[in-house]
Amino acid sequence: MTAAPTVAELLLARAGRRDPGLKTHDGTWTWDEVVAASAARGAAVRELLRTRPGDGPPHVGILADNSPEFAFLLGGCALSGSVLVGLNPTRRGPALARDVRVSDCRVVLTQTSYRPLLDVDPGVDVLDLDGPEWTRLVSAHAGAPAEPAAASPDDLLMLIFTSGTSGDPKPVRCTHGKIAFPGRMLADRFGLSTTDTAYVAMPMFHSNAVMAGWAVGLAAGAAVALRDRFSASGFLSDVRRFGATYADYVGTPLSYVLATPPRPDDADNPLRIVYGNEGAEADLVAFAERFGCRVVDAYGSTEGGIGFARTPDTPPGSLGRLGDGVHILDPDTGEPCEAAEFGPDGQLRNADAAIGELVNVSGAGWFAGYYNDPAADADRIRDGRYHTGDLAYADADGFVYFAGRTADWVRVDGENLGTAPIERVLVRHPAIAETAVYAVPGRVGDDVMAAIVPAGRAAPDPDEFARFLDRQDDLGPKQRPRYVRVTAELPRTATFKVVKRRLAADGTACGDTVWERTGATYRPLAEPDRHAPVSRQAR
């Protein structure tokens, strides 16, 4: 694995620089001021936790929107040898207390509006970021020298929780190298420098904002423009206000921005590069055309065991080409899957033989493990191989297509179907803005169910929708949803990932309109016919 600097080294390289280092709606700080502010927070953390018992570096939780304080604390932890724990403000009560507990936070720093969310265990102090105790500590250490604690690229800097789409979020160990390496790699790849500005509106408690946003600006010496929370309506005005030339995203933000009313001068902006992952294929093209920039969608995860990106020769819908050591393996046998075979209509002909799990057979990549969770580590790393839990298939040229998560298998009439190819077909319908496909138990095996979000006020006509599906040559009969749920929005995490387990748990017993496929059409499902999923053992 390529050698990486530490975050502290990247930060110290900015000391003395008078060009902008941090921009927000409230002000601008030079890089020299950012380094000084980070040193003050690092010294304050050292004093705050000096007398607290515990082995290893102290863990400091932060519960806040994107703010200068968040950035200064991340820099401060890098300099002081502490560990910053990003806490998700969409979590509540016992769930949030559980995150604080499993990450061994000794203190939580929170913005005042989020303090009511915290009901932490005894022994964990909670301080307001704008409260008297923290303000006094920071003021007392103003002018502290930027003298970093000894650290290597393998030393822990941050704990970032997984999105929790399939269970309780797990804290992922993010080392100095794991944060610094993608920052430098992306800065070099896109030719960013001190004349650029990286716009970061994704939440800083998540890996995308830290590794593909903040760290990129830091490595390039570019200014980092922080937005407290993502705003689709405020995106373009922010880009112009801050002079943003680079932005990051994860999930559906591109869709939300594209849903804002278009203007003839949308392309009149400084944005050059937008980088992220999990963007819809149609949105990547539409966003680039509308805003006059280049959109690069990559594959990656918080864990970091595998990553690759689209290249100019990547076919539409593909994630990119398989890299060295990355294979698609049959989940049952562990053997390499066959190359995908497509019919003249583009339909995948050999799904059972071609779809498998993306696995890094050469090792863990940048995955540094989960924090204090050896069972989860063992599930990811088996026989020295990193298992992503993601399903995919690859064509004869090695170009990869996402097919869902391992939990996204839908088994119909003995055939395993990935959900992502079905979703790609459904969103072709002009009246559908978003969709999620998932399994609900059938009498034998699974039934396919889809939740759809209308693009306008009205949902598609059920009869017309059935005819539309029948015309899609790359949608096989077993892939057609038996049930369709028409809903105003999909349940999401704070990082815009769809929580399918909530949809699956509802089954057809939900408050939304549900259609059932009957013969050649769909009909509304009457209330007495609705049901929540039964357990597989009970079927």
Protein backbone atom coordinates (compact mmCIF):
# COMPACT_ATOMS: atom_id res chain seq x y z
CA MET A 1 0.00 0.00 0.00
CA THR A 2 1.31 3.45 -0.92
CA ALA A 3 2.94 5.39 1.91
CA ALA A 4 0.90 8.28 3.27
CA PRO A 5 1.68 11.33 5.37
CA THR A 6 -0.05 12.04 8.66
CA VAL A 7 -2.81 14.61 8.90
CA ALA A 8 -0.62 16.52 11.35
CA GLU A 9 2.12 16.77 8.70
CA LEU A 10 -0.35 18.08 6.12
CA LEU A 11 -1.62 20.63 8.62
CA LEU A 12 1.82 21.84 9.69
CA ALA A 13 2.74 22.35 6.02
CA ARG A 14 0.08 25.12 6.01
CA ALA A 15 1.53 27.02 8.98
CA GLY A 16 2.48 30.58 8.07
CA ARG A 17 0.32 30.61 4.94
CA ARG A 18 -1.75 33.78 4.56
CA ASP A 19 -4.04 32.49 1.81
CA PRO A 20 -7.60 31.42 2.77
CA GLY A 21 -7.79 28.09 4.59
CA LEU A 22 -11.38 28.00 5.83
CA LYS A 23 -14.50 29.78 4.62
CA THR A 24 -17.98 29.78 6.12
CA HIS A 25 -20.98 32.06 5.97
CA ASP A 26 -19.66 33.66 9.17
CA GLY A 27 -16.10 34.44 8.10
CA THR A 28 -12.79 33.43 6.57
CA TRP A 29 -9.61 32.15 8.27
CA THR A 30 -6.16 31.97 6.70
CA TRP A 31 -4.35 28.64 6.79
CA ASP A 32 -2.04 30.05 9.44
CA GLU A 33 -5.08 30.94 11.55
CA VAL A 34 -6.52 27.46 11.00
CA VAL A 35 -3.30 25.86 12.25
CA ALA A 36 -3.23 28.17 15.28
CA ALA A 37 -6.90 27.48 16.08
CA SER A 38 -6.27 23.75 15.76
CA ALA A 39 -3.26 23.95 18.09
CA ALA A 40 -5.38 25.75 20.68
CA ARG A 41 -8.08 23.05 20.52
CA GLY A 42 -5.47 20.31 20.73
CA ALA A 43 -4.01 21.87 23.88
CA ALA A 44 -7.50 22.37 25.33
CA VAL A 45 -8.34 18.70 24.76
CA ARG A 46 -5.10 17.67 26.45
CA GLU A 47 -5.95 19.71 29.52
CA LEU A 48 -9.59 18.67 29.58
CA LEU A 49 -8.71 14.97 29.62
CA ARG A 50 -5.38 15.13 31.43
CA THR A 51 -6.68 13.72 34.72
CA ARG A 52 -9.27 11.34 33.24
CA PRO A 53 -8.48 7.66 33.68
CA GLY A 54 -8.15 5.44 30.63
CA ASP A 55 -5.60 3.72 28.46
CA GLY A 56 -4.49 4.95 25.08
CA PRO A 57 -5.33 8.26 23.42
CA PRO A 58 -8.41 10.05 24.75
CA HIS A 59 -11.59 9.89 22.68
CA VAL A 60 -13.55 13.10 22.22
CA GLY A 61 -17.03 12.98 20.74
CA ILE A 62 -18.39 15.83 18.65
CA LEU A 63 -22.09 16.31 17.97
CA ALA A 64 -22.38 19.25 15.63
CA ASP A 65 -23.13 20.43 12.14
CA ASN A 66 -20.27 21.44 9.88
CA SER A 67 -18.68 24.43 11.56
CA PRO A 68 -15.28 26.02 12.10
CA GLU A 69 -15.18 24.33 15.51
CA PHE A 70 -15.55 20.90 13.90
CA ALA A 71 -12.65 21.59 11.54
CA PHE A 72 -10.48 23.06 14.31
CA LEU A 73 -11.16 20.07 16.56
CA LEU A 74 -10.22 17.61 13.83
CA GLY A 75 -6.97 19.47 13.33
CA GLY A 76 -6.50 19.72 17.10
CA CYS A 77 -6.89 15.98 17.58
CA ALA A 78 -4.39 15.38 14.77
CA LEU A 79 -1.85 17.57 16.59
CA SER A 80 -2.57 16.36 20.13
CA GLY A 81 -2.69 12.62 19.54
CA SER A 82 -6.37 12.47 20.50
CA VAL A 83 -9.20 10.67 18.69
CA LEU A 84 -12.22 12.55 17.40
CA VAL A 85 -15.49 10.59 17.34
CA GLY A 86 -18.05 11.86 14.84
CA LEU A 87 -21.55 11.51 16.31
CA ASN A 88 -24.66 11.53 14.15
CA PRO A 89 -27.31 14.10 15.21
CA THR A 90 -30.07 12.07 13.55
CA ARG A 91 -29.57 9.43 16.26
CA ARG A 92 -31.61 9.82 19.44
CA GLY A 93 -31.70 8.84 23.12
CA PRO A 94 -30.48 5.29 23.82
CA ALA A 95 -29.17 4.87 20.26
CA LEU A 96 -26.95 7.96 20.54
CA ALA A 97 -25.91 7.01 24.07
CA ARG A 98 -24.93 3.60 22.71
CA ASP A 99 -22.69 5.25 20.07
CA VAL A 100 -20.98 7.34 22.75
CA ARG A 101 -20.45 4.25 24.88
CA VAL A 102 -19.08 1.86 22.23
CA SER A 103 -16.63 4.49 21.00
CA ASP A 104 -15.28 5.12 24.52
CA CYS A 105 -15.89 8.87 24.50
CA ARG A 106 -14.75 10.47 27.74
CA VAL A 107 -16.27 13.81 26.82
CA VAL A 108 -18.74 14.98 24.20
CA LEU A 109 -18.57 18.47 22.73
CA THR A 110 -21.91 19.52 21.29
CA GLN A 111 -23.56 22.49 19.71
CA THR A 112 -26.25 23.83 22.03
CA SER A 113 -29.20 22.84 19.84
CA TYR A 114 -28.17 19.16 19.98
CA ARG A 115 -27.58 18.94 23.72
CA PRO A 116 -31.17 17.72 24.41
CA LEU A 117 -30.42 14.68 22.25
CA LEU A 118 -27.74 13.47 24.67
CA ASP A 119 -28.52 11.16 27.57
CA VAL A 120 -25.08 9.72 28.09
CA ASP A 121 -23.81 7.28 30.68
CA PRO A 122 -22.42 8.55 34.02
CA GLY A 123 -18.78 9.52 33.76
CA VAL A 124 -19.10 11.11 30.32
CA ASP A 125 -19.01 14.90 30.44
CA VAL A 126 -20.94 17.01 27.97
CA LEU A 127 -19.73 20.51 27.10
CA ASP A 128 -21.37 23.06 24.83
CA LEU A 129 -19.06 24.21 22.06
CA ASP A 130 -20.12 27.80 22.75
CA GLY A 131 -20.43 27.29 26.52
CA PRO A 132 -18.23 28.88 29.20
CA GLU A 133 -16.07 25.88 30.08
CA TRP A 134 -14.97 25.04 26.53
CA THR A 135 -14.65 28.72 25.58
CA ARG A 136 -12.45 29.32 28.63
CA LEU A 137 -10.24 26.35 27.83
CA VAL A 138 -9.74 27.40 24.23
CA SER A 139 -9.03 31.01 25.21
CA ALA A 140 -6.51 29.89 27.80
CA HIS A 141 -4.56 28.05 25.12
CA ALA A 142 -4.66 30.70 22.43
CA GLY A 143 -1.16 30.96 21.00
CA ALA A 144 -0.26 27.36 21.90
CA PRO A 145 2.59 26.16 19.70
CA ALA A 146 1.70 23.75 16.94
CA GLU A 147 3.87 20.96 18.27
CA PRO A 148 2.36 17.63 17.24
CA ALA A 149 2.40 14.51 19.33
CA ALA A 150 4.38 11.68 17.77
CA ALA A 151 2.17 9.92 15.22
CA SER A 152 2.51 7.55 12.30
CA PRO A 153 0.13 7.02 9.37
CA ASP A 154 -1.16 3.90 11.17
CA ASP A 155 -2.16 5.77 14.33
CA LEU A 156 -5.85 6.29 15.03
CA LEU A 157 -7.21 9.80 14.44
CA MET A 158 -10.96 9.46 14.08
CA LEU A 159 -13.83 7.05 14.60
CA ILE A 160 -16.49 7.33 11.92
CA PHE A 161 -19.65 5.29 12.18
CA THR A 162 -21.02 3.28 9.30
CA SER A 163 -24.38 4.46 7.99
CA GLY A 164 -26.31 1.76 9.80
CA THR A 165 -28.52 0.86 6.84
CA SER A 166 -28.53 -2.81 7.83
CA GLY A 167 -28.16 -2.65 11.62
CA ASP A 168 -26.52 -0.66 14.41
CA PRO A 169 -23.77 1.64 13.10
CA LYS A 170 -20.25 0.39 13.73
CA PRO A 171 -17.32 2.72 14.53
CA VAL A 172 -14.66 2.39 11.83
CA ARG A 173 -11.04 3.09 12.75
CA CYS A 174 -9.80 5.96 10.58
CA THR A 175 -6.06 6.41 10.86
CA HIS A 176 -3.97 9.41 9.89
CA GLY A 177 -3.01 7.63 6.68
CA LYS A 178 -6.53 6.60 5.82
CA ILE A 179 -7.59 10.26 5.91
CA ALA A 180 -4.43 11.86 4.49
CA PHE A 181 -3.88 9.44 1.60
CA PRO A 182 -7.17 10.05 -0.28
CA GLY A 183 -6.79 13.76 0.38
CA ARG A 184 -3.42 13.89 -1.34
CA MET A 185 -4.41 11.39 -4.04
CA LEU A 186 -7.53 13.33 -5.06
CA ALA A 187 -5.77 16.70 -4.86
CA ASP A 188 -3.09 15.39 -7.22
CA ARG A 189 -5.54 13.60 -9.48
CA PHE A 190 -7.62 16.71 -10.08
CA GLY A 191 -4.72 19.18 -10.08
CA LEU A 192 -6.01 21.20 -7.13
CA SER A 193 -3.82 23.90 -5.61
CA THR A 194 -3.85 26.94 -3.36
CA THR A 195 -5.97 28.80 -5.92
CA ASP A 196 -8.87 26.34 -5.50
CA THR A 197 -11.72 26.09 -3.00
CA ALA A 198 -13.20 22.76 -1.87
CA TYR A 199 -16.88 23.04 -0.98
CA VAL A 200 -17.93 20.65 1.82
CA ALA A 201 -21.64 20.40 2.57
CA MET A 202 -21.79 16.67 3.38
CA PRO A 203 -21.76 16.04 7.16
CA MET A 204 -18.32 16.04 8.72
CA PHE A 205 -19.18 13.08 10.96
CA HIS A 206 -19.13 10.95 7.78
CA SER A 207 -16.16 9.66 5.81
CA ASN A 208 -17.07 11.32 2.50
CA ALA A 209 -16.84 14.85 3.89
CA VAL A 210 -13.62 14.14 5.78
CA MET A 211 -11.72 12.09 3.18
CA ALA A 212 -13.12 13.42 -0.10
CA GLY A 213 -13.72 16.98 1.06
CA TRP A 214 -11.82 18.42 4.03
CA ALA A 215 -8.66 16.32 3.51
CA VAL A 216 -8.57 17.21 -0.20
CA GLY A 217 -8.54 20.92 0.57
CA LEU A 218 -5.93 20.40 3.28
CA ALA A 219 -3.61 18.36 1.04
CA ALA A 220 -3.92 20.83 -1.85
CA GLY A 221 -3.59 23.92 0.31
CA ALA A 222 -6.93 24.97 -1.13
CA ALA A 223 -9.50 26.79 0.95
CA VAL A 224 -12.17 24.58 2.55
CA ALA A 225 -15.64 26.13 2.35
CA LEU A 226 -17.95 24.61 4.97
CA ARG A 227 -21.74 24.67 4.77
CA ASP A 228 -23.40 23.80 8.09
CA ARG A 229 -25.84 21.41 6.39
CA PHE A 230 -26.46 20.53 2.77
CA SER A 231 -28.99 22.71 1.00
CA ALA A 232 -30.09 21.99 -2.55
CA SER A 233 -31.50 25.49 -3.00
CA GLY A 234 -28.34 27.05 -1.57
CA PHE A 235 -25.83 24.95 -3.51
CA LEU A 236 -25.24 27.15 -6.55
CA SER A 237 -25.26 30.41 -4.60
CA ASP A 238 -22.68 28.91 -2.21
CA VAL A 239 -20.49 27.78 -5.12
CA ARG A 240 -20.49 31.31 -6.47
CA ARG A 241 -20.12 33.01 -3.09
CA PHE A 242 -17.13 30.90 -2.02
CA GLY A 243 -15.60 30.55 -5.49
CA ALA A 244 -15.81 26.77 -5.13
CA THR A 245 -13.97 24.83 -7.83
CA TYR A 246 -14.37 21.38 -6.23
CA ALA A 247 -17.22 19.73 -4.32
CA ASP A 248 -17.91 16.29 -2.88
CA TYR A 249 -21.14 14.35 -2.49
CA VAL A 250 -22.50 10.97 -1.47
CA GLY A 251 -25.83 9.50 -2.52
CA THR A 252 -28.67 11.69 -3.81
CA PRO A 253 -27.59 15.36 -3.33
CA LEU A 254 -27.04 15.69 -7.09
CA SER A 255 -30.67 14.68 -7.60
CA TYR A 256 -31.84 17.28 -5.10
CA VAL A 257 -29.86 20.06 -6.77
CA LEU A 258 -31.14 19.03 -10.18
CA ALA A 259 -34.69 19.24 -8.85
CA THR A 260 -34.30 22.99 -8.22
CA PRO A 261 -35.70 25.25 -10.96
CA PRO A 262 -33.17 25.58 -13.80
CA ARG A 263 -31.88 29.00 -14.83
CA PRO A 264 -30.18 29.99 -18.08
CA ASP A 265 -27.01 31.01 -16.22
CA ASP A 266 -26.59 27.79 -14.19
CA ALA A 267 -23.33 26.97 -15.96
CA ASP A 268 -21.92 30.40 -15.12
CA ASN A 269 -20.06 29.29 -12.00
CA PRO A 270 -16.46 28.41 -10.99
CA LEU A 271 -17.12 24.72 -10.30
CA ARG A 272 -14.77 22.38 -12.20
CA ILE A 273 -14.87 19.01 -10.40
CA VAL A 274 -17.60 17.24 -8.44
CA TYR A 275 -16.46 13.98 -6.87
CA GLY A 276 -18.41 11.40 -4.89
CA ASN A 277 -20.13 8.05 -4.93
CA GLU A 278 -23.54 6.41 -5.30
CA GLY A 279 -24.84 9.03 -7.71
CA ALA A 280 -27.55 7.96 -10.16
CA GLU A 281 -26.18 7.48 -13.67
CA ALA A 282 -28.63 9.91 -15.28
CA ASP A 283 -27.86 12.54 -12.63
CA LEU A 284 -24.11 12.43 -13.33
CA VAL A 285 -24.67 13.41 -16.95
CA ALA A 286 -27.43 15.93 -16.28
CA PHE A 287 -25.49 17.65 -13.48
CA ALA A 288 -22.34 18.00 -15.59
CA GLU A 289 -24.28 19.44 -18.52
CA ARG A 290 -26.38 21.85 -16.48
CA PHE A 291 -23.60 23.26 -14.28
CA GLY A 292 -20.70 23.05 -16.73
CA CYS A 293 -18.44 20.84 -14.65
CA ARG A 294 -16.98 17.36 -14.60
CA VAL A 295 -18.67 14.81 -12.34
CA VAL A 296 -16.60 11.82 -11.23
CA ASP A 297 -18.49 9.07 -9.43
CA ALA A 298 -16.41 6.49 -7.58
CA TYR A 299 -16.97 3.32 -5.61
CA GLY A 300 -15.97 3.34 -1.96
CA SER A 301 -17.11 2.90 1.61
CA THR A 302 -16.28 4.13 5.10
CA GLU A 303 -14.29 0.96 5.68
CA GLY A 304 -12.05 1.64 2.68
CA GLY A 305 -11.11 -1.92 1.73
CA ILE A 306 -11.78 -1.37 -1.99
CA GLY A 307 -12.06 1.71 -4.14
CA PHE A 308 -12.15 2.46 -7.85
CA ALA A 309 -13.58 5.14 -10.09
CA ARG A 310 -15.01 5.63 -13.54
CA THR A 311 -12.60 6.43 -16.36
CA PRO A 312 -13.46 8.06 -19.70
CA ASP A 313 -13.88 4.64 -21.34
CA THR A 314 -16.25 3.32 -18.64
CA PRO A 315 -19.59 2.22 -20.13
CA PRO A 316 -22.78 3.88 -18.86
CA GLY A 317 -23.97 2.32 -15.62
CA SER A 318 -20.60 0.79 -14.73
CA LEU A 319 -18.66 1.63 -11.57
CA GLY A 320 -15.35 1.30 -13.40
CA ARG A 321 -12.90 -1.49 -14.13
CA LEU A 322 -11.80 -4.14 -11.63
CA GLY A 323 -8.44 -3.25 -10.11
CA ASP A 324 -5.55 -5.49 -9.19
CA GLY A 325 -6.51 -7.98 -6.52
CA VAL A 326 -10.24 -7.18 -6.69
CA HIS A 327 -12.41 -10.11 -7.76
CA ILE A 328 -16.10 -10.95 -7.90
CA LEU A 329 -16.56 -14.21 -6.02
CA ASP A 330 -19.48 -16.58 -5.64
CA PRO A 331 -20.74 -16.08 -2.06
CA ASP A 332 -21.31 -19.82 -1.62
CA THR A 333 -18.22 -21.34 -3.23
CA GLY A 334 -15.69 -18.51 -3.03
CA GLU A 335 -14.80 -19.14 -6.66
CA PRO A 336 -14.56 -16.36 -9.28
CA CYS A 337 -17.84 -15.63 -11.04
CA GLU A 338 -18.29 -15.90 -14.76
CA ALA A 339 -18.15 -12.83 -16.96
CA ALA A 340 -21.55 -11.31 -17.52
CA GLU A 341 -23.34 -12.23 -20.73
CA PHE A 342 -25.82 -9.80 -22.22
CA GLY A 343 -28.55 -10.35 -24.75
CA PRO A 344 -29.14 -7.99 -27.67
CA ASP A 345 -31.64 -6.12 -25.48
CA GLY A 346 -29.01 -5.58 -22.76
CA GLN A 347 -30.56 -8.08 -20.35
CA LEU A 348 -28.12 -9.97 -18.12
CA ARG A 349 -28.49 -13.58 -19.23
CA ASN A 350 -26.42 -15.38 -16.60
CA ALA A 351 -27.22 -13.57 -13.36
CA ASP A 352 -26.81 -16.65 -11.15
CA ALA A 353 -23.33 -17.33 -12.53
CA ALA A 354 -22.15 -13.72 -12.93
CA ILE A 355 -23.34 -11.92 -9.79
CA GLY A 356 -21.14 -12.30 -6.75
CA GLU A 357 -19.49 -10.36 -3.94
CA LEU A 358 -16.74 -7.80 -4.51
CA VAL A 359 -13.71 -9.07 -2.61
CA ASN A 360 -10.18 -7.72 -2.25
CA VAL A 361 -8.23 -10.97 -2.35
CA SER A 362 -4.91 -9.18 -1.79
CA GLY A 363 -5.74 -7.92 1.70
CA ALA A 364 -7.54 -5.26 3.68
CA GLY A 365 -6.59 -2.20 1.63
CA TRP A 366 -7.13 0.86 3.81
CA PHE A 367 -9.50 -0.98 6.14
CA ALA A 368 -8.01 -0.52 9.62
CA GLY A 369 -10.73 -2.47 11.42
CA TYR A 370 -13.75 -1.62 13.48
CA TYR A 371 -13.19 -0.25 16.97
CA ASN A 372 -13.32 -2.96 19.65
CA ASP A 373 -15.38 -5.28 17.47
CA PRO A 374 -13.35 -8.37 16.59
CA ALA A 375 -16.45 -10.25 15.42
CA ALA A 376 -17.20 -7.54 12.84
CA ASP A 377 -13.53 -7.52 11.80
CA ALA A 378 -13.65 -11.27 11.31
CA ASP A 379 -16.74 -10.93 9.14
CA ARG A 380 -14.97 -8.43 6.89
CA ILE A 381 -11.56 -10.10 6.75
CA ARG A 382 -11.81 -13.81 6.04
CA ASP A 383 -8.78 -15.86 5.00
CA GLY A 384 -6.84 -12.63 4.50
CA ARG A 385 -9.44 -11.27 2.08
CA TYR A 386 -11.55 -8.16 2.48
CA HIS A 387 -15.25 -8.82 1.84
CA THR A 388 -17.24 -5.72 0.91
CA GLY A 389 -20.72 -7.16 1.33
CA ASP A 390 -21.55 -5.61 -2.06
CA LEU A 391 -22.87 -7.56 -5.03
CA ALA A 392 -21.65 -6.91 -8.55
CA TYR A 393 -21.05 -8.43 -11.95
CA ALA A 394 -18.40 -7.65 -14.56
CA ASP A 395 -18.38 -7.85 -18.34
CA ALA A 396 -15.66 -9.52 -20.39
CA ASP A 397 -13.57 -6.34 -20.30
CA GLY A 398 -13.63 -6.17 -16.50
CA PHE A 399 -16.09 -3.30 -16.18
CA VAL A 400 -18.13 -3.69 -13.00
CA TYR A 401 -21.84 -3.15 -12.44
CA PHE A 402 -23.33 -2.79 -8.96
CA ALA A 403 -26.03 -5.33 -8.11
CA GLY A 404 -26.88 -4.40 -4.51
CA ARG A 405 -25.73 -5.45 -1.05
CA THR A 406 -25.42 -9.04 0.05
CA ALA A 407 -28.56 -8.38 2.08
CA ASP A 408 -30.20 -7.13 -1.14
CA TRP A 409 -30.54 -10.53 -2.74
CA VAL A 410 -34.10 -11.24 -3.80
CA ARG A 411 -34.62 -14.93 -4.38
CA VAL A 412 -37.51 -15.58 -6.75
CA ASP A 413 -38.35 -19.10 -7.95
CA GLY A 414 -34.91 -20.28 -6.90
CA GLU A 415 -33.08 -17.51 -8.75
CA ASN A 416 -31.00 -14.85 -6.98
CA LEU A 417 -31.70 -11.33 -8.25
CA GLY A 418 -29.77 -8.17 -7.38
CA THR A 419 -31.89 -5.12 -6.61
CA ALA A 420 -29.76 -2.41 -8.22
CA PRO A 421 -30.41 -3.49 -11.84
CA ILE A 422 -34.16 -3.42 -11.15
CA GLU A 423 -33.89 0.05 -9.65
CA ARG A 424 -32.02 1.32 -12.69
CA VAL A 425 -34.90 0.23 -14.91
CA LEU A 426 -37.66 1.67 -12.71
CA VAL A 427 -36.19 5.18 -12.61
CA ARG A 428 -36.35 5.36 -16.40
CA HIS A 429 -40.04 6.08 -16.00
CA PRO A 430 -40.44 9.86 -16.29
CA ALA A 431 -42.92 9.99 -13.41
CA ILE A 432 -40.53 8.33 -10.93
CA ALA A 433 -37.91 10.39 -9.12
CA GLU A 434 -36.46 7.72 -6.83
CA THR A 435 -36.97 4.08 -6.05
CA ALA A 436 -35.80 1.35 -3.70
CA VAL A 437 -36.25 -2.35 -4.42
CA TYR A 438 -36.21 -4.96 -1.66
CA ALA A 439 -37.43 -8.43 -0.74
CA VAL A 440 -40.59 -9.26 1.15
CA PRO A 441 -41.41 -12.86 2.03
CA GLY A 442 -43.60 -14.72 -0.40
CA ARG A 443 -45.29 -18.05 -0.04
CA VAL A 444 -42.12 -19.65 -1.46
CA GLY A 445 -38.95 -17.61 -1.54
CA ASP A 446 -39.22 -13.83 -1.90
CA ASP A 447 -41.49 -11.39 -3.63
CA VAL A 448 -40.01 -8.27 -5.22
CA MET A 449 -41.31 -5.02 -3.77
CA ALA A 450 -40.46 -1.49 -4.89
CA ALA A 451 -41.04 1.82 -3.16
CA ILE A 452 -41.33 4.68 -5.65
CA VAL A 453 -41.26 8.44 -5.12
CA PRO A 454 -43.21 10.33 -7.82
CA ALA A 455 -41.29 12.96 -9.76
CA GLY A 456 -44.28 15.29 -9.62
CA ARG A 457 -47.46 15.48 -7.62
CA ALA A 458 -49.04 12.46 -9.29
CA ALA A 459 -47.86 8.86 -9.27
CA PRO A 460 -47.76 6.89 -12.51
CA ASP A 461 -50.99 5.30 -13.61
CA PRO A 462 -50.89 1.65 -12.46
CA ASP A 463 -51.97 0.24 -15.84
CA GLU A 464 -49.51 2.43 -17.75
CA PHE A 465 -46.73 1.54 -15.29
CA ALA A 466 -47.30 -2.18 -15.84
CA ARG A 467 -47.15 -1.69 -19.61
CA PHE A 468 -43.96 0.38 -19.21
CA LEU A 469 -42.27 -2.45 -17.28
CA ASP A 470 -43.35 -4.99 -19.88
CA ARG A 471 -41.64 -2.91 -22.58
CA GLN A 472 -38.26 -2.89 -20.81
CA ASP A 473 -36.28 -5.58 -22.59
CA ASP A 474 -33.64 -5.75 -19.85
CA LEU A 475 -36.19 -6.41 -17.09
CA GLY A 476 -36.96 -10.09 -16.80
CA PRO A 477 -40.36 -11.39 -15.69
CA LYS A 478 -38.98 -12.43 -12.29
CA GLN A 479 -37.56 -8.93 -11.75
CA ARG A 480 -40.88 -7.15 -12.13
CA PRO A 481 -42.10 -5.99 -8.71
CA ARG A 482 -45.10 -7.83 -7.35
CA TYR A 483 -45.79 -4.94 -4.97
CA VAL A 484 -45.27 -1.20 -5.50
CA ARG A 485 -45.44 1.28 -2.64
CA VAL A 486 -46.09 4.90 -3.64
CA THR A 487 -44.50 7.13 -1.01
CA ALA A 488 -43.56 10.79 -0.58
CA GLU A 489 -40.01 9.99 0.49
CA LEU A 490 -37.68 7.09 1.20
CA PRO A 491 -36.28 6.58 4.72
CA ARG A 492 -32.66 7.73 4.75
CA THR A 493 -29.68 8.04 6.99
CA ALA A 494 -28.08 11.43 7.59
CA THR A 495 -25.77 10.68 4.66
CA PHE A 496 -28.68 10.12 2.27
CA LYS A 497 -28.49 6.33 2.09
CA VAL A 498 -31.81 4.51 1.85
CA VAL A 499 -32.64 2.34 4.86
CA LYS A 500 -34.25 -0.60 3.09
CA ARG A 501 -34.70 -2.61 6.26
CA ARG A 502 -37.39 -0.13 7.36
CA LEU A 503 -39.23 -0.55 4.08
CA ALA A 504 -38.92 -4.33 4.24
CA ALA A 505 -40.14 -4.33 7.84
CA ASP A 506 -43.29 -2.47 6.79
CA GLY A 507 -44.10 -4.88 3.98
CA THR A 508 -47.45 -3.87 2.52
CA ALA A 509 -48.79 -2.89 5.96
CA CYS A 510 -47.92 0.79 5.64
CA GLY A 511 -49.82 4.05 5.45
CA ASP A 512 -48.99 4.57 1.77
CA THR A 513 -50.79 3.44 -1.35
CA VAL A 514 -49.67 -0.05 -2.36
CA TRP A 515 -50.27 -1.76 -5.70
CA GLU A 516 -50.15 -5.48 -6.38
CA ARG A 517 -49.35 -6.96 -9.76
CA THR A 518 -52.31 -9.00 -10.97
CA GLY A 519 -51.90 -10.44 -14.43
CA ALA A 520 -51.01 -7.66 -16.85
CA THR A 521 -51.69 -4.73 -14.54
CA TYR A 522 -51.40 -3.37 -11.02
CA ARG A 523 -54.35 -2.85 -8.71
CA PRO A 524 -54.54 -1.01 -5.37
CA LEU A 525 -54.17 -3.40 -2.47
CA ALA A 526 -57.15 -3.26 -0.14
CA GLU A 527 -56.59 -2.79 3.57
CA PRO A 528 -57.64 -6.36 4.58
CA ASP A 529 -55.09 -7.79 2.13
CA ARG A 530 -52.15 -5.91 3.59
CA HIS A 531 -49.62 -7.64 5.80
CA ALA A 532 -46.28 -7.09 7.44
CA PRO A 533 -43.56 -9.59 6.59
CA VAL A 534 -43.70 -12.86 8.47
CA SER A 535 -40.50 -14.43 9.68
CA ARG A 536 -38.81 -16.86 7.34
CA GLN A 537 -39.01 -19.52 10.03
CA ALA A 538 -42.78 -19.10 10.24
CA ARG A 539 -43.46 -19.46 6.53
